[in-house]
Amino acid sequence: MSRQASKAADKGMVVVCSAGNSGSGSWKKITPPGDAEHVITVGAIAKTGILAPFSSIGNTADNRIKPDVVAVGMAADVMGTDGVAGNANGTSFASPIMCGMVACLWQACPQLTAHQLIDLVRTSGDRASFPDNIYGYGVPDLWKAYQWTNKQK
């Protein structure tokens, strides 16, 4: 799956996936497809910006930075199947939050290729100057990314 997910960007698709919830376990590491090269892998943080203890961390087998970015996935605001708002934990909540934001950015900047969009998301992170294998490139500022893109037009 990692090889296929990685090739998706070559075909003009952006794959956003969760980092996984192994951070509290003995393995702790991100697994496929989150370890793929051209995939935006999303770790989970609390609303305070602290890494969720369950969020899987990197690095990859070939020493690339993973996760790529982080989003709220601890006490994330969600709507239950009963229609009642509540909170839930998991990188599976952080990933769709980021996916929606990435989709909005791409809709606002349709001239970007998939590879350019992935790079832009990473470089707009609050830790882009010093990425690590816990927070990746940090929390992306997609408004700043949008502004960068529009200045280049």
N, C-alpha and C. Protein backbone atom coordinates (compact mmCIF):
# COMPACT_ATOMS: atom_id res chain seq x y z
N MET A 1 0.82 -1.20 0.00
CA MET A 1 0.00 0.00 0.00
C MET A 1 0.86 1.25 0.00
N SER A 2 1.98 1.26 0.72
CA SER A 2 2.81 2.46 0.76
C SER A 2 3.28 2.87 -0.61
N ARG A 3 3.71 1.91 -1.41
CA ARG A 3 4.19 2.23 -2.75
C ARG A 3 3.07 2.84 -3.59
N GLN A 4 1.86 2.28 -3.49
CA GLN A 4 0.73 2.80 -4.24
C GLN A 4 0.33 4.19 -3.75
N ALA A 5 0.31 4.38 -2.44
CA ALA A 5 -0.05 5.68 -1.88
C ALA A 5 0.97 6.73 -2.30
N SER A 6 2.23 6.35 -2.31
CA SER A 6 3.28 7.28 -2.71
C SER A 6 3.15 7.68 -4.17
N LYS A 7 2.74 6.75 -5.03
CA LYS A 7 2.59 7.03 -6.45
C LYS A 7 1.34 7.85 -6.75
N ALA A 8 0.43 7.95 -5.81
CA ALA A 8 -0.79 8.73 -6.03
C ALA A 8 -0.46 10.18 -6.36
N ALA A 9 0.54 10.75 -5.70
CA ALA A 9 0.93 12.14 -5.97
C ALA A 9 1.43 12.29 -7.40
N ASP A 10 2.10 11.28 -7.91
CA ASP A 10 2.57 11.33 -9.30
C ASP A 10 1.40 11.37 -10.28
N LYS A 11 0.25 10.87 -9.84
CA LYS A 11 -0.95 10.85 -10.68
C LYS A 11 -1.86 12.03 -10.39
N GLY A 12 -1.42 12.97 -9.56
CA GLY A 12 -2.19 14.18 -9.29
C GLY A 12 -3.14 14.07 -8.12
N MET A 13 -2.94 13.11 -7.24
CA MET A 13 -3.80 12.95 -6.06
C MET A 13 -2.98 13.20 -4.79
N VAL A 14 -3.64 13.76 -3.80
CA VAL A 14 -3.00 13.95 -2.49
C VAL A 14 -3.64 12.98 -1.51
N VAL A 15 -2.81 12.17 -0.89
CA VAL A 15 -3.28 11.22 0.12
C VAL A 15 -2.94 11.80 1.49
N VAL A 16 -3.97 11.92 2.33
CA VAL A 16 -3.81 12.36 3.71
C VAL A 16 -4.23 11.19 4.58
N CYS A 17 -3.33 10.74 5.45
CA CYS A 17 -3.69 9.58 6.28
C CYS A 17 -3.24 9.80 7.73
N SER A 18 -3.85 9.04 8.60
CA SER A 18 -3.53 9.15 10.02
C SER A 18 -2.20 8.48 10.32
N ALA A 19 -1.53 9.00 11.33
CA ALA A 19 -0.25 8.44 11.75
C ALA A 19 -0.43 7.11 12.47
N GLY A 20 -1.60 6.89 13.02
CA GLY A 20 -1.85 5.68 13.80
C GLY A 20 -1.81 5.99 15.29
N ASN A 21 -2.32 5.06 16.06
CA ASN A 21 -2.48 5.26 17.50
C ASN A 21 -1.61 4.31 18.31
N SER A 22 -0.36 4.11 17.87
CA SER A 22 0.55 3.18 18.55
C SER A 22 1.52 3.87 19.49
N GLY A 23 1.40 5.17 19.68
CA GLY A 23 2.35 5.92 20.49
C GLY A 23 2.47 5.45 21.93
N SER A 24 1.41 4.90 22.49
CA SER A 24 1.45 4.42 23.87
C SER A 24 1.86 2.96 23.95
N GLY A 25 1.96 2.30 22.82
CA GLY A 25 2.32 0.88 22.81
C GLY A 25 3.81 0.65 22.73
N SER A 26 4.20 -0.60 22.58
CA SER A 26 5.62 -0.92 22.54
C SER A 26 6.27 -0.56 21.20
N TRP A 27 5.52 -0.56 20.11
CA TRP A 27 6.08 -0.26 18.79
C TRP A 27 6.25 1.24 18.58
N LYS A 28 5.23 2.03 18.84
CA LYS A 28 5.21 3.50 18.77
C LYS A 28 5.31 4.09 17.37
N LYS A 29 5.69 3.32 16.38
CA LYS A 29 6.03 3.86 15.06
C LYS A 29 4.85 3.88 14.09
N ILE A 30 4.95 4.81 13.14
CA ILE A 30 4.01 4.90 12.03
C ILE A 30 4.19 3.70 11.13
N THR A 31 3.08 3.19 10.61
CA THR A 31 3.12 2.04 9.71
C THR A 31 2.47 2.42 8.37
N PRO A 32 2.55 1.55 7.37
CA PRO A 32 1.95 1.86 6.06
C PRO A 32 0.46 2.14 6.19
N PRO A 33 -0.09 3.02 5.39
CA PRO A 33 0.54 3.81 4.32
C PRO A 33 1.14 5.12 4.82
N GLY A 34 1.10 5.36 6.14
CA GLY A 34 1.60 6.61 6.67
C GLY A 34 3.09 6.82 6.51
N ASP A 35 3.82 5.76 6.24
CA ASP A 35 5.27 5.89 6.07
C ASP A 35 5.67 6.18 4.63
N ALA A 36 4.69 6.29 3.73
CA ALA A 36 4.98 6.55 2.32
C ALA A 36 5.53 7.95 2.11
N GLU A 37 6.34 8.10 1.08
CA GLU A 37 7.07 9.35 0.86
C GLU A 37 6.19 10.55 0.50
N HIS A 38 5.27 10.40 -0.40
CA HIS A 38 4.48 11.54 -0.87
C HIS A 38 3.06 11.49 -0.33
N VAL A 39 2.95 11.23 0.95
CA VAL A 39 1.69 11.16 1.67
C VAL A 39 1.76 12.14 2.83
N ILE A 40 0.69 12.87 3.07
CA ILE A 40 0.64 13.75 4.24
C ILE A 40 0.14 12.91 5.41
N THR A 41 1.05 12.57 6.30
CA THR A 41 0.73 11.75 7.46
C THR A 41 0.50 12.68 8.65
N VAL A 42 -0.63 12.48 9.34
CA VAL A 42 -1.08 13.41 10.36
C VAL A 42 -1.07 12.77 11.75
N GLY A 43 -0.30 13.37 12.64
CA GLY A 43 -0.29 12.96 14.04
C GLY A 43 -1.35 13.75 14.80
N ALA A 44 -1.60 13.35 16.04
CA ALA A 44 -2.64 13.99 16.85
C ALA A 44 -2.04 14.80 17.99
N ILE A 45 -2.63 15.98 18.18
CA ILE A 45 -2.28 16.83 19.32
C ILE A 45 -3.56 17.19 20.07
N ALA A 46 -3.37 17.66 21.30
CA ALA A 46 -4.48 18.24 22.06
C ALA A 46 -4.66 19.69 21.59
N LYS A 47 -5.74 20.30 21.98
CA LYS A 47 -5.99 21.70 21.60
C LYS A 47 -4.94 22.64 22.19
N THR A 48 -4.21 22.18 23.19
CA THR A 48 -3.13 22.96 23.79
C THR A 48 -1.84 22.88 22.97
N GLY A 49 -1.80 22.00 21.98
CA GLY A 49 -0.62 21.84 21.14
C GLY A 49 0.31 20.73 21.59
N ILE A 50 -0.02 20.06 22.68
CA ILE A 50 0.80 18.97 23.19
C ILE A 50 0.47 17.69 22.43
N LEU A 51 1.50 16.91 22.08
CA LEU A 51 1.28 15.65 21.37
C LEU A 51 0.41 14.71 22.19
N ALA A 52 -0.57 14.12 21.54
CA ALA A 52 -1.40 13.10 22.20
C ALA A 52 -0.52 11.88 22.46
N PRO A 53 -0.59 11.31 23.66
CA PRO A 53 0.31 10.20 23.99
C PRO A 53 0.12 8.98 23.09
N PHE A 54 -1.05 8.82 22.50
CA PHE A 54 -1.31 7.66 21.64
C PHE A 54 -0.83 7.84 20.21
N SER A 55 -0.48 9.07 19.81
CA SER A 55 -0.13 9.36 18.43
C SER A 55 1.19 8.69 18.04
N SER A 56 1.17 7.92 16.96
CA SER A 56 2.39 7.25 16.49
C SER A 56 3.42 8.27 16.02
N ILE A 57 4.67 7.89 16.12
CA ILE A 57 5.78 8.78 15.76
C ILE A 57 6.63 8.14 14.67
N GLY A 58 7.55 8.91 14.14
CA GLY A 58 8.48 8.43 13.12
C GLY A 58 9.77 8.00 13.77
N ASN A 59 10.70 7.80 13.03
CA ASN A 59 10.91 8.12 11.63
C ASN A 59 10.56 6.93 10.75
N THR A 60 10.85 7.04 9.48
CA THR A 60 10.62 5.92 8.57
C THR A 60 11.87 5.06 8.49
N ALA A 61 11.74 3.91 7.84
CA ALA A 61 12.87 2.99 7.70
C ALA A 61 14.04 3.64 6.97
N ASP A 62 13.74 4.60 6.07
CA ASP A 62 14.82 5.28 5.34
C ASP A 62 15.10 6.68 5.91
N ASN A 63 14.72 6.89 7.15
CA ASN A 63 15.04 8.10 7.92
C ASN A 63 14.37 9.39 7.46
N ARG A 64 13.20 9.29 6.83
CA ARG A 64 12.44 10.50 6.50
C ARG A 64 11.63 10.94 7.71
N ILE A 65 11.33 12.24 7.77
CA ILE A 65 10.51 12.81 8.85
C ILE A 65 9.07 12.32 8.69
N LYS A 66 8.51 11.79 9.73
CA LYS A 66 7.09 11.44 9.82
C LYS A 66 6.70 11.57 11.26
N PRO A 67 5.54 11.99 11.65
CA PRO A 67 4.47 12.43 10.77
C PRO A 67 4.87 13.70 10.03
N ASP A 68 4.11 14.04 9.00
CA ASP A 68 4.39 15.28 8.27
C ASP A 68 3.91 16.47 9.06
N VAL A 69 2.70 16.40 9.58
CA VAL A 69 2.07 17.50 10.31
C VAL A 69 1.22 16.92 11.44
N VAL A 70 0.68 17.79 12.27
CA VAL A 70 -0.23 17.38 13.34
C VAL A 70 -1.48 18.25 13.32
N ALA A 71 -2.55 17.69 13.86
CA ALA A 71 -3.83 18.40 13.99
C ALA A 71 -4.52 17.87 15.24
N VAL A 72 -5.56 18.56 15.67
CA VAL A 72 -6.28 18.14 16.88
C VAL A 72 -6.87 16.74 16.68
N GLY A 73 -6.50 15.85 17.57
CA GLY A 73 -7.01 14.49 17.56
C GLY A 73 -7.22 13.96 18.97
N MET A 74 -6.95 14.81 19.95
CA MET A 74 -7.20 14.46 21.35
C MET A 74 -8.30 15.39 21.84
N ALA A 75 -9.38 14.80 22.29
CA ALA A 75 -10.59 15.55 22.66
C ALA A 75 -11.07 16.39 21.49
N ALA A 76 -11.00 15.79 20.28
CA ALA A 76 -11.48 16.47 19.08
C ALA A 76 -12.99 16.58 19.13
N ASP A 77 -13.52 17.69 18.66
CA ASP A 77 -14.96 17.88 18.60
C ASP A 77 -15.52 17.07 17.44
N VAL A 78 -16.44 16.18 17.75
CA VAL A 78 -17.03 15.30 16.74
C VAL A 78 -18.54 15.23 16.93
N MET A 79 -19.20 14.82 15.88
CA MET A 79 -20.64 14.60 15.92
C MET A 79 -20.88 13.10 15.96
N GLY A 80 -21.60 12.64 16.96
CA GLY A 80 -21.88 11.22 17.08
C GLY A 80 -22.94 10.77 16.09
N THR A 81 -23.06 9.47 15.94
CA THR A 81 -24.07 8.93 15.03
C THR A 81 -25.48 9.25 15.50
N ASP A 82 -25.61 9.61 16.78
CA ASP A 82 -26.92 9.99 17.32
C ASP A 82 -27.21 11.48 17.13
N GLY A 83 -26.28 12.21 16.47
CA GLY A 83 -26.47 13.63 16.23
C GLY A 83 -26.07 14.52 17.39
N VAL A 84 -25.46 13.94 18.41
CA VAL A 84 -25.04 14.70 19.58
C VAL A 84 -23.54 15.00 19.47
N ALA A 85 -23.20 16.28 19.69
CA ALA A 85 -21.79 16.68 19.66
C ALA A 85 -21.07 16.15 20.89
N GLY A 86 -19.83 15.76 20.69
CA GLY A 86 -19.02 15.26 21.79
C GLY A 86 -17.55 15.38 21.46
N ASN A 87 -16.73 14.65 22.19
CA ASN A 87 -15.29 14.63 21.98
C ASN A 87 -14.84 13.20 21.78
N ALA A 88 -13.76 13.04 21.02
CA ALA A 88 -13.19 11.72 20.79
C ALA A 88 -11.69 11.85 20.57
N ASN A 89 -10.99 10.75 20.74
CA ASN A 89 -9.54 10.70 20.58
C ASN A 89 -9.15 9.80 19.43
N GLY A 90 -8.09 10.19 18.72
CA GLY A 90 -7.52 9.34 17.69
C GLY A 90 -6.93 10.14 16.55
N THR A 91 -5.89 9.59 15.95
CA THR A 91 -5.34 10.22 14.76
C THR A 91 -6.35 10.12 13.62
N SER A 92 -7.32 9.23 13.76
CA SER A 92 -8.38 9.12 12.75
C SER A 92 -9.33 10.30 12.80
N PHE A 93 -9.21 11.16 13.79
CA PHE A 93 -9.95 12.43 13.82
C PHE A 93 -9.05 13.57 13.36
N ALA A 94 -7.76 13.50 13.68
CA ALA A 94 -6.81 14.52 13.22
C ALA A 94 -6.67 14.50 11.70
N SER A 95 -6.65 13.33 11.13
CA SER A 95 -6.46 13.19 9.68
C SER A 95 -7.58 13.82 8.86
N PRO A 96 -8.86 13.57 9.14
CA PRO A 96 -9.89 14.22 8.33
C PRO A 96 -9.97 15.73 8.55
N ILE A 97 -9.61 16.19 9.74
CA ILE A 97 -9.54 17.64 9.96
C ILE A 97 -8.52 18.23 9.00
N MET A 98 -7.33 17.62 8.94
CA MET A 98 -6.29 18.10 8.04
C MET A 98 -6.68 17.91 6.58
N CYS A 99 -7.31 16.80 6.27
CA CYS A 99 -7.72 16.52 4.89
C CYS A 99 -8.67 17.60 4.38
N GLY A 100 -9.62 18.00 5.20
CA GLY A 100 -10.55 19.06 4.81
C GLY A 100 -9.84 20.37 4.57
N MET A 101 -8.87 20.68 5.41
CA MET A 101 -8.13 21.93 5.25
C MET A 101 -7.27 21.89 3.99
N VAL A 102 -6.66 20.76 3.71
CA VAL A 102 -5.84 20.61 2.50
C VAL A 102 -6.72 20.71 1.26
N ALA A 103 -7.90 20.11 1.31
CA ALA A 103 -8.83 20.19 0.17
C ALA A 103 -9.25 21.63 -0.09
N CYS A 104 -9.50 22.39 0.97
CA CYS A 104 -9.87 23.80 0.81
C CYS A 104 -8.71 24.60 0.21
N LEU A 105 -7.50 24.34 0.67
CA LEU A 105 -6.33 25.03 0.13
C LEU A 105 -6.17 24.73 -1.36
N TRP A 106 -6.32 23.47 -1.73
CA TRP A 106 -6.16 23.10 -3.14
C TRP A 106 -7.26 23.70 -4.00
N GLN A 107 -8.47 23.77 -3.45
CA GLN A 107 -9.56 24.39 -4.19
C GLN A 107 -9.27 25.89 -4.41
N ALA A 108 -8.67 26.53 -3.43
CA ALA A 108 -8.34 27.95 -3.54
C ALA A 108 -7.12 28.19 -4.44
N CYS A 109 -6.29 27.16 -4.59
CA CYS A 109 -5.06 27.28 -5.39
C CYS A 109 -4.97 26.10 -6.37
N PRO A 110 -5.91 26.02 -7.33
CA PRO A 110 -5.97 24.85 -8.21
C PRO A 110 -4.78 24.71 -9.16
N GLN A 111 -3.96 25.75 -9.27
CA GLN A 111 -2.79 25.67 -10.14
C GLN A 111 -1.68 24.81 -9.56
N LEU A 112 -1.76 24.48 -8.28
CA LEU A 112 -0.73 23.67 -7.63
C LEU A 112 -0.82 22.21 -8.07
N THR A 113 0.33 21.59 -8.23
CA THR A 113 0.37 20.14 -8.44
C THR A 113 0.24 19.46 -7.09
N ALA A 114 0.00 18.18 -7.10
CA ALA A 114 -0.09 17.43 -5.84
C ALA A 114 1.21 17.54 -5.05
N HIS A 115 2.33 17.41 -5.73
CA HIS A 115 3.63 17.51 -5.05
C HIS A 115 3.84 18.90 -4.46
N GLN A 116 3.46 19.94 -5.19
CA GLN A 116 3.60 21.31 -4.68
C GLN A 116 2.72 21.53 -3.46
N LEU A 117 1.51 20.99 -3.49
CA LEU A 117 0.59 21.14 -2.36
C LEU A 117 1.14 20.44 -1.12
N ILE A 118 1.64 19.24 -1.28
CA ILE A 118 2.22 18.50 -0.15
C ILE A 118 3.37 19.29 0.45
N ASP A 119 4.25 19.81 -0.39
CA ASP A 119 5.39 20.59 0.08
C ASP A 119 4.93 21.86 0.78
N LEU A 120 3.92 22.51 0.24
CA LEU A 120 3.40 23.74 0.82
C LEU A 120 2.81 23.51 2.21
N VAL A 121 2.08 22.40 2.37
CA VAL A 121 1.52 22.06 3.68
C VAL A 121 2.65 21.87 4.69
N ARG A 122 3.67 21.14 4.30
CA ARG A 122 4.80 20.91 5.20
C ARG A 122 5.51 22.22 5.56
N THR A 123 5.84 23.01 4.57
CA THR A 123 6.63 24.22 4.83
C THR A 123 5.85 25.30 5.57
N SER A 124 4.53 25.20 5.61
CA SER A 124 3.75 26.18 6.37
C SER A 124 3.60 25.79 7.84
N GLY A 125 4.16 24.66 8.23
CA GLY A 125 4.06 24.21 9.61
C GLY A 125 4.85 25.08 10.57
N ASP A 126 4.38 25.14 11.81
CA ASP A 126 5.03 25.99 12.80
C ASP A 126 6.37 25.44 13.28
N ARG A 127 6.75 24.27 12.83
CA ARG A 127 8.06 23.68 13.15
C ARG A 127 8.85 23.39 11.88
N ALA A 128 8.49 24.03 10.78
CA ALA A 128 9.12 23.74 9.49
C ALA A 128 10.62 24.00 9.49
N SER A 129 11.09 24.93 10.30
CA SER A 129 12.53 25.21 10.36
C SER A 129 13.30 24.09 11.05
N PHE A 130 12.63 23.38 11.95
CA PHE A 130 13.27 22.31 12.71
C PHE A 130 12.32 21.12 12.88
N PRO A 131 11.95 20.45 11.78
CA PRO A 131 11.01 19.33 11.90
C PRO A 131 11.63 18.17 12.67
N ASP A 132 10.77 17.40 13.30
CA ASP A 132 11.23 16.23 14.04
C ASP A 132 10.29 15.06 13.79
N ASN A 133 10.57 13.94 14.41
CA ASN A 133 9.78 12.73 14.21
C ASN A 133 8.68 12.57 15.25
N ILE A 134 8.35 13.64 15.94
CA ILE A 134 7.25 13.63 16.90
C ILE A 134 6.11 14.51 16.39
N TYR A 135 6.43 15.77 16.05
CA TYR A 135 5.44 16.72 15.53
C TYR A 135 5.57 16.92 14.02
N GLY A 136 6.57 16.32 13.41
CA GLY A 136 6.81 16.55 11.99
C GLY A 136 7.14 18.01 11.75
N TYR A 137 6.45 18.60 10.78
CA TYR A 137 6.64 20.01 10.46
C TYR A 137 5.70 20.89 11.29
N GLY A 138 4.96 20.26 12.21
CA GLY A 138 4.12 20.97 13.14
C GLY A 138 2.71 21.20 12.63
N VAL A 139 2.07 22.21 13.20
CA VAL A 139 0.71 22.59 12.82
C VAL A 139 0.81 23.52 11.61
N PRO A 140 0.28 23.12 10.46
CA PRO A 140 0.39 23.98 9.30
C PRO A 140 -0.52 25.19 9.39
N ASP A 141 -0.05 26.30 8.87
CA ASP A 141 -0.83 27.52 8.78
C ASP A 141 -1.26 27.64 7.31
N LEU A 142 -2.41 27.10 6.99
CA LEU A 142 -2.83 27.04 5.60
C LEU A 142 -3.29 28.40 5.07
N TRP A 143 -3.62 29.33 5.94
CA TRP A 143 -3.89 30.69 5.48
C TRP A 143 -2.58 31.32 4.99
N LYS A 144 -1.51 31.11 5.75
CA LYS A 144 -0.20 31.60 5.34
C LYS A 144 0.21 30.92 4.02
N ALA A 145 -0.04 29.64 3.89
CA ALA A 145 0.28 28.92 2.65
C ALA A 145 -0.48 29.50 1.48
N TYR A 146 -1.74 29.80 1.68
CA TYR A 146 -2.56 30.42 0.64
C TYR A 146 -1.98 31.77 0.23
N GLN A 147 -1.61 32.57 1.22
CA GLN A 147 -1.05 33.89 0.94
C GLN A 147 0.28 33.78 0.18
N TRP A 148 1.13 32.82 0.56
CA TRP A 148 2.39 32.61 -0.16
C TRP A 148 2.11 32.28 -1.62
N THR A 149 1.15 31.42 -1.85
CA THR A 149 0.82 31.00 -3.21
C THR A 149 0.30 32.15 -4.03
N ASN A 150 -0.55 32.98 -3.46
CA ASN A 150 -1.12 34.09 -4.19
C ASN A 150 -0.13 35.21 -4.47
N LYS A 151 0.91 35.34 -3.65
CA LYS A 151 1.95 36.33 -3.90
C LYS A 151 2.81 35.91 -5.10
N GLN A 152 2.85 34.60 -5.36
CA GLN A 152 3.69 34.08 -6.45
C GLN A 152 2.99 34.14 -7.80
N LYS A 153 1.72 34.51 -7.83
CA LYS A 153 0.97 34.55 -9.09
C LYS A 153 1.43 35.68 -9.98
